[in-house]
């Protein structure tokens, strides 16, 4: 298996999650619903969270 060379990065915090700087990789996803549809967005966030995402983006 090839060795993966990672570039040094600066750690940043998103809420209680640290990204970069040698922190464990954070699983993230983005909701693909219209933000005006609160019920659908809430449902999708719940599913993404149940799947194990650390960070969920909503735009």
N, C-alpha and C. Protein backbone atom coordinates (compact mmCIF):
# COMPACT_ATOMS: atom_id res chain seq x y z
N UNK A 1 0.85 -1.17 0.00
CA UNK A 1 0.00 0.00 0.00
C UNK A 1 0.90 1.24 0.00
N UNK A 2 0.61 2.21 -0.87
CA UNK A 2 1.45 3.42 -0.93
C UNK A 2 1.30 4.27 0.33
N UNK A 3 2.37 4.96 0.67
CA UNK A 3 2.35 5.87 1.81
C UNK A 3 1.69 7.19 1.39
N UNK A 4 0.80 7.68 2.22
CA UNK A 4 0.14 8.95 1.95
C UNK A 4 0.90 10.05 2.68
N UNK A 5 1.35 11.05 1.94
CA UNK A 5 2.07 12.18 2.53
C UNK A 5 1.08 13.32 2.72
N UNK A 6 0.88 13.74 3.97
CA UNK A 6 -0.05 14.83 4.28
C UNK A 6 0.71 16.12 4.49
N UNK A 7 0.17 17.19 3.95
CA UNK A 7 0.77 18.51 4.14
C UNK A 7 0.40 19.02 5.53
N UNK A 8 1.33 19.74 6.19
CA UNK A 8 0.98 20.33 7.49
C UNK A 8 -0.11 21.38 7.33
N UNK A 9 -1.08 21.36 8.21
CA UNK A 9 -2.18 22.32 8.16
C UNK A 9 -2.38 22.97 9.52
N UNK A 10 -3.12 24.04 9.52
CA UNK A 10 -3.44 24.76 10.76
C UNK A 10 -4.77 24.21 11.27
N UNK A 11 -4.88 23.98 12.55
CA UNK A 11 -6.12 23.48 13.15
C UNK A 11 -7.14 24.61 13.28
N UNK A 12 -8.37 24.32 12.91
CA UNK A 12 -9.48 25.25 13.11
C UNK A 12 -10.61 24.49 13.78
N UNK A 13 -11.42 25.22 14.52
CA UNK A 13 -12.55 24.58 15.21
C UNK A 13 -13.85 25.00 14.56
N UNK A 14 -14.71 24.02 14.37
CA UNK A 14 -16.08 24.24 13.92
C UNK A 14 -16.96 23.70 15.04
N UNK A 15 -17.46 24.60 15.87
CA UNK A 15 -18.17 24.15 17.07
C UNK A 15 -17.20 23.40 17.96
N UNK A 16 -17.51 22.15 18.27
CA UNK A 16 -16.62 21.34 19.12
C UNK A 16 -15.71 20.43 18.31
N UNK A 17 -15.76 20.52 16.98
CA UNK A 17 -14.96 19.66 16.10
C UNK A 17 -13.71 20.41 15.65
N UNK A 18 -12.55 19.77 15.75
CA UNK A 18 -11.31 20.34 15.24
C UNK A 18 -11.02 19.73 13.88
N UNK A 19 -10.70 20.60 12.90
CA UNK A 19 -10.38 20.16 11.55
C UNK A 19 -8.96 20.61 11.25
N UNK A 20 -8.14 19.71 10.70
CA UNK A 20 -6.76 20.05 10.35
C UNK A 20 -5.84 19.96 11.54
N UNK A 21 -4.58 20.30 11.30
CA UNK A 21 -3.59 20.31 12.38
C UNK A 21 -3.34 18.95 12.99
N UNK A 22 -3.53 17.88 12.24
CA UNK A 22 -3.29 16.55 12.76
C UNK A 22 -4.48 15.93 13.48
N UNK A 23 -5.61 16.64 13.53
CA UNK A 23 -6.82 16.09 14.16
C UNK A 23 -7.34 14.94 13.31
N UNK A 24 -8.09 14.02 13.91
CA UNK A 24 -8.70 12.95 13.12
C UNK A 24 -9.58 13.54 12.02
N UNK A 25 -9.71 12.82 10.92
CA UNK A 25 -10.53 13.30 9.80
C UNK A 25 -11.99 13.37 10.23
N UNK A 26 -12.64 14.51 10.00
CA UNK A 26 -14.04 14.71 10.33
C UNK A 26 -14.89 14.40 9.10
N UNK A 27 -15.89 13.55 9.27
CA UNK A 27 -16.82 13.23 8.19
C UNK A 27 -17.83 14.35 8.10
N UNK A 28 -18.01 14.88 6.89
CA UNK A 28 -18.97 15.97 6.72
C UNK A 28 -19.85 15.72 5.51
N UNK A 29 -21.02 16.34 5.53
CA UNK A 29 -21.95 16.26 4.41
C UNK A 29 -22.73 17.56 4.35
N UNK A 30 -23.46 17.73 3.27
CA UNK A 30 -24.26 18.94 3.11
C UNK A 30 -25.69 18.55 2.79
N UNK A 31 -26.64 19.17 3.47
CA UNK A 31 -28.05 18.92 3.19
C UNK A 31 -28.37 19.40 1.78
N UNK A 32 -29.13 18.60 1.05
CA UNK A 32 -29.46 18.92 -0.33
C UNK A 32 -30.94 19.28 -0.46
N UNK A 33 -31.44 20.02 0.51
CA UNK A 33 -32.84 20.42 0.48
C UNK A 33 -32.93 21.94 0.42
N UNK A 34 -34.08 22.43 0.06
CA UNK A 34 -34.30 23.88 0.10
C UNK A 34 -34.44 24.27 1.57
N UNK A 35 -33.70 25.29 1.98
CA UNK A 35 -33.72 25.67 3.39
C UNK A 35 -35.09 26.18 3.84
N UNK A 36 -35.90 26.60 2.89
CA UNK A 36 -37.26 27.04 3.23
C UNK A 36 -38.13 25.87 3.67
N UNK A 37 -37.78 24.66 3.22
CA UNK A 37 -38.53 23.46 3.59
C UNK A 37 -37.93 22.90 4.89
N UNK A 38 -38.38 23.45 5.99
CA UNK A 38 -37.80 23.13 7.29
C UNK A 38 -37.97 21.66 7.64
N UNK A 39 -39.13 21.08 7.36
CA UNK A 39 -39.36 19.67 7.69
C UNK A 39 -38.41 18.75 6.92
N UNK A 40 -38.25 18.99 5.61
CA UNK A 40 -37.36 18.16 4.80
C UNK A 40 -35.91 18.33 5.23
N UNK A 41 -35.52 19.56 5.54
CA UNK A 41 -34.15 19.82 5.97
C UNK A 41 -33.87 19.14 7.30
N UNK A 42 -34.80 19.24 8.23
CA UNK A 42 -34.65 18.59 9.54
C UNK A 42 -34.56 17.08 9.38
N UNK A 43 -35.41 16.52 8.51
CA UNK A 43 -35.39 15.08 8.27
C UNK A 43 -34.04 14.64 7.70
N UNK A 44 -33.52 15.41 6.74
CA UNK A 44 -32.25 15.05 6.13
C UNK A 44 -31.09 15.20 7.11
N UNK A 45 -31.10 16.24 7.92
CA UNK A 45 -30.05 16.42 8.94
C UNK A 45 -30.07 15.24 9.91
N UNK A 46 -31.24 14.78 10.30
CA UNK A 46 -31.36 13.63 11.20
C UNK A 46 -30.77 12.38 10.56
N UNK A 47 -31.04 12.16 9.27
CA UNK A 47 -30.49 10.99 8.56
C UNK A 47 -28.98 11.07 8.42
N UNK A 48 -28.47 12.26 8.09
CA UNK A 48 -27.02 12.43 7.94
C UNK A 48 -26.33 12.21 9.28
N UNK A 49 -26.91 12.74 10.34
CA UNK A 49 -26.34 12.55 11.69
C UNK A 49 -26.34 11.07 12.06
N UNK A 50 -27.44 10.37 11.78
CA UNK A 50 -27.53 8.94 12.08
C UNK A 50 -26.50 8.13 11.29
N UNK A 51 -26.12 8.62 10.11
CA UNK A 51 -25.13 7.93 9.29
C UNK A 51 -23.71 8.17 9.81
N UNK A 52 -23.54 9.08 10.77
CA UNK A 52 -22.24 9.26 11.41
C UNK A 52 -21.48 10.51 11.04
N UNK A 53 -22.12 11.48 10.39
CA UNK A 53 -21.41 12.71 10.03
C UNK A 53 -21.06 13.52 11.28
N UNK A 54 -19.87 14.10 11.26
CA UNK A 54 -19.44 14.97 12.36
C UNK A 54 -19.88 16.41 12.11
N UNK A 55 -19.92 16.81 10.83
CA UNK A 55 -20.27 18.17 10.44
C UNK A 55 -21.35 18.09 9.36
N UNK A 56 -22.42 18.87 9.51
CA UNK A 56 -23.47 18.94 8.50
C UNK A 56 -23.61 20.39 8.08
N UNK A 57 -23.45 20.63 6.78
CA UNK A 57 -23.55 21.99 6.25
C UNK A 57 -24.94 22.20 5.66
N UNK A 58 -25.49 23.38 5.87
CA UNK A 58 -26.80 23.76 5.34
C UNK A 58 -26.64 25.10 4.66
N UNK A 59 -27.07 25.18 3.40
CA UNK A 59 -26.94 26.44 2.67
C UNK A 59 -28.18 26.69 1.84
